[in-house]
Amino acid sequence: MWKIVLGFIVFAAIALFVLMKSGGNIDLTGEKHDVTGGHADSAASDAASAAMAAASAAVPVPASGASQ
């Protein structure tokens, strides 16, 4: 049983060493809550909805009695 625990510890240490040396972005500090993340998305959403409104205003609407 102790060999399994020792093997796991050695394997985990080697895996962390390889990942850190390969340039991976490893963060062992836990869960993060970014409070500024939602503001940029709403600004992009507002700009996209304004562009969509301008594009839909430029499209001509056919008369209701016109045949196609």
N, C-alpha and C. Protein backbone atom coordinates (compact mmCIF):
# COMPACT_ATOMS: atom_id res chain seq x y z
N MET A 1 0.82 -1.19 0.00
CA MET A 1 0.00 0.00 0.00
C MET A 1 0.87 1.26 0.00
N TRP A 2 1.93 1.25 0.76
CA TRP A 2 2.77 2.43 0.84
C TRP A 2 3.48 2.68 -0.48
N LYS A 3 3.68 1.61 -1.27
CA LYS A 3 4.33 1.76 -2.57
C LYS A 3 3.41 2.52 -3.54
N ILE A 4 2.11 2.28 -3.44
CA ILE A 4 1.16 2.97 -4.30
C ILE A 4 1.14 4.47 -3.97
N VAL A 5 1.11 4.80 -2.68
CA VAL A 5 1.11 6.20 -2.26
C VAL A 5 2.41 6.87 -2.68
N LEU A 6 3.53 6.21 -2.48
CA LEU A 6 4.82 6.77 -2.88
C LEU A 6 4.88 6.96 -4.40
N GLY A 7 4.37 6.01 -5.15
CA GLY A 7 4.36 6.13 -6.61
C GLY A 7 3.50 7.30 -7.07
N PHE A 8 2.35 7.50 -6.42
CA PHE A 8 1.50 8.62 -6.78
C PHE A 8 2.19 9.94 -6.50
N ILE A 9 2.84 10.05 -5.35
CA ILE A 9 3.53 11.30 -5.00
C ILE A 9 4.66 11.59 -5.98
N VAL A 10 5.42 10.56 -6.34
CA VAL A 10 6.51 10.75 -7.29
C VAL A 10 5.97 11.14 -8.66
N PHE A 11 4.90 10.46 -9.10
CA PHE A 11 4.31 10.78 -10.39
C PHE A 11 3.76 12.21 -10.41
N ALA A 12 3.09 12.63 -9.34
CA ALA A 12 2.54 13.99 -9.28
C ALA A 12 3.66 15.02 -9.29
N ALA A 13 4.74 14.76 -8.57
CA ALA A 13 5.86 15.70 -8.54
C ALA A 13 6.50 15.82 -9.92
N ILE A 14 6.67 14.70 -10.61
CA ILE A 14 7.26 14.74 -11.96
C ILE A 14 6.33 15.47 -12.92
N ALA A 15 5.02 15.21 -12.81
CA ALA A 15 4.06 15.87 -13.70
C ALA A 15 4.06 17.38 -13.48
N LEU A 16 4.06 17.82 -12.24
CA LEU A 16 4.10 19.26 -11.96
C LEU A 16 5.40 19.88 -12.45
N PHE A 17 6.50 19.19 -12.26
CA PHE A 17 7.80 19.70 -12.71
C PHE A 17 7.81 19.87 -14.23
N VAL A 18 7.33 18.88 -14.95
CA VAL A 18 7.32 18.94 -16.41
C VAL A 18 6.38 20.04 -16.90
N LEU A 19 5.21 20.16 -16.29
CA LEU A 19 4.27 21.19 -16.72
C LEU A 19 4.79 22.59 -16.44
N MET A 20 5.45 22.79 -15.32
CA MET A 20 5.99 24.11 -15.01
C MET A 20 7.16 24.47 -15.92
N LYS A 21 8.00 23.50 -16.25
CA LYS A 21 9.15 23.77 -17.11
C LYS A 21 8.74 23.94 -18.57
N SER A 22 7.60 23.40 -18.97
CA SER A 22 7.18 23.51 -20.36
C SER A 22 6.50 24.83 -20.65
N GLY A 23 6.33 25.68 -19.65
CA GLY A 23 5.74 26.99 -19.87
C GLY A 23 4.24 27.01 -19.70
N GLY A 24 3.67 25.97 -19.14
CA GLY A 24 2.23 25.93 -18.92
C GLY A 24 1.83 26.93 -17.85
N ASN A 25 0.65 27.47 -17.98
CA ASN A 25 0.15 28.44 -17.00
C ASN A 25 -0.51 27.69 -15.86
N ILE A 26 0.26 27.32 -14.86
CA ILE A 26 -0.25 26.54 -13.74
C ILE A 26 -0.49 27.47 -12.57
N ASP A 27 -1.71 27.43 -12.07
CA ASP A 27 -2.09 28.28 -10.94
C ASP A 27 -2.71 27.39 -9.88
N LEU A 28 -2.02 27.20 -8.78
CA LEU A 28 -2.49 26.32 -7.72
C LEU A 28 -3.11 27.11 -6.57
N THR A 29 -3.53 28.36 -6.82
CA THR A 29 -4.05 29.18 -5.74
C THR A 29 -5.55 29.02 -5.53
N GLY A 30 -6.23 28.30 -6.39
CA GLY A 30 -7.66 28.08 -6.20
C GLY A 30 -8.50 28.89 -7.17
N GLU A 31 -9.78 28.90 -6.89
CA GLU A 31 -10.75 29.56 -7.78
C GLU A 31 -10.64 31.07 -7.67
N LYS A 32 -10.71 31.73 -8.83
CA LYS A 32 -10.62 33.19 -8.87
C LYS A 32 -11.95 33.75 -9.36
N HIS A 33 -12.32 34.90 -8.85
CA HIS A 33 -13.54 35.59 -9.26
C HIS A 33 -13.15 36.96 -9.78
N ASP A 34 -13.21 37.12 -11.10
CA ASP A 34 -12.84 38.38 -11.74
C ASP A 34 -14.07 39.28 -11.78
N VAL A 35 -14.01 40.39 -11.03
CA VAL A 35 -15.17 41.28 -10.96
C VAL A 35 -15.24 42.23 -12.15
N THR A 36 -14.18 42.36 -12.94
CA THR A 36 -14.19 43.28 -14.08
C THR A 36 -14.50 42.57 -15.38
N GLY A 37 -14.70 41.28 -15.37
CA GLY A 37 -14.89 40.53 -16.59
C GLY A 37 -16.17 40.83 -17.32
N GLY A 38 -17.26 41.14 -16.64
CA GLY A 38 -18.53 41.34 -17.30
C GLY A 38 -18.70 42.70 -17.97
N HIS A 39 -17.91 43.68 -17.59
CA HIS A 39 -18.09 45.03 -18.13
C HIS A 39 -17.67 45.12 -19.59
N ALA A 40 -16.59 44.50 -19.97
CA ALA A 40 -16.13 44.56 -21.36
C ALA A 40 -17.11 43.82 -22.26
N ASP A 41 -17.72 42.75 -21.78
CA ASP A 41 -18.66 42.00 -22.59
C ASP A 41 -19.92 42.80 -22.86
N SER A 42 -20.40 43.56 -21.88
CA SER A 42 -21.62 44.34 -22.10
C SER A 42 -21.36 45.48 -23.08
N ALA A 43 -20.17 46.06 -23.07
CA ALA A 43 -19.85 47.13 -24.02
C ALA A 43 -19.81 46.57 -25.44
N ALA A 44 -19.24 45.40 -25.60
CA ALA A 44 -19.20 44.77 -26.92
C ALA A 44 -20.60 44.39 -27.37
N SER A 45 -21.42 43.95 -26.44
CA SER A 45 -22.80 43.58 -26.77
C SER A 45 -23.60 44.81 -27.20
N ASP A 46 -23.40 45.93 -26.51
CA ASP A 46 -24.10 47.17 -26.88
C ASP A 46 -23.69 47.63 -28.28
N ALA A 47 -22.40 47.53 -28.59
CA ALA A 47 -21.92 47.94 -29.91
C ALA A 47 -22.48 47.01 -30.98
N ALA A 48 -22.55 45.72 -30.69
CA ALA A 48 -23.08 44.77 -31.66
C ALA A 48 -24.56 44.99 -31.89
N SER A 49 -25.31 45.29 -30.84
CA SER A 49 -26.75 45.51 -31.01
C SER A 49 -27.01 46.82 -31.76
N ALA A 50 -26.17 47.83 -31.57
CA ALA A 50 -26.32 49.07 -32.32
C ALA A 50 -26.01 48.85 -33.80
N ALA A 51 -25.00 48.04 -34.08
CA ALA A 51 -24.67 47.74 -35.48
C ALA A 51 -25.78 46.93 -36.13
N MET A 52 -26.39 46.02 -35.39
CA MET A 52 -27.48 45.21 -35.92
C MET A 52 -28.70 46.07 -36.20
N ALA A 53 -28.98 47.04 -35.33
CA ALA A 53 -30.12 47.93 -35.54
C ALA A 53 -29.90 48.80 -36.77
N ALA A 54 -28.66 49.27 -36.96
CA ALA A 54 -28.36 50.10 -38.13
C ALA A 54 -28.46 49.27 -39.41
N ALA A 55 -28.03 48.03 -39.36
CA ALA A 55 -28.09 47.17 -40.55
C ALA A 55 -29.54 46.83 -40.88
N SER A 56 -30.36 46.58 -39.88
CA SER A 56 -31.75 46.23 -40.15
C SER A 56 -32.53 47.44 -40.64
N ALA A 57 -32.13 48.64 -40.26
CA ALA A 57 -32.80 49.84 -40.73
C ALA A 57 -32.47 50.11 -42.20
N ALA A 58 -31.32 49.63 -42.66
CA ALA A 58 -30.91 49.87 -44.04
C ALA A 58 -31.54 48.87 -45.01
N VAL A 59 -32.09 47.77 -44.52
CA VAL A 59 -32.68 46.75 -45.39
C VAL A 59 -34.10 47.17 -45.74
N PRO A 60 -34.43 47.25 -47.04
CA PRO A 60 -35.79 47.65 -47.42
C PRO A 60 -36.78 46.53 -47.12
N VAL A 61 -37.95 46.91 -46.65
CA VAL A 61 -39.02 45.96 -46.35
C VAL A 61 -40.01 45.98 -47.48
N PRO A 62 -40.32 44.82 -48.11
CA PRO A 62 -41.27 44.82 -49.23
C PRO A 62 -42.68 45.13 -48.74
N ALA A 63 -43.47 45.68 -49.63
CA ALA A 63 -44.86 46.00 -49.28
C ALA A 63 -45.61 44.70 -49.02
N SER A 64 -46.66 44.77 -48.21
CA SER A 64 -47.37 43.56 -47.82
C SER A 64 -48.13 42.94 -48.99
N GLY A 65 -48.51 43.71 -50.00
CA GLY A 65 -49.26 43.18 -51.13
C GLY A 65 -48.38 42.77 -52.30
N ALA A 66 -47.07 42.93 -52.22
CA ALA A 66 -46.19 42.63 -53.35
C ALA A 66 -45.98 41.12 -53.48
N SER A 67 -45.95 40.65 -54.70
CA SER A 67 -45.69 39.22 -54.94
C SER A 67 -44.21 39.04 -55.25
N GLN A 68 -43.72 37.87 -54.95
CA GLN A 68 -42.29 37.63 -55.14
C GLN A 68 -42.03 36.71 -56.27
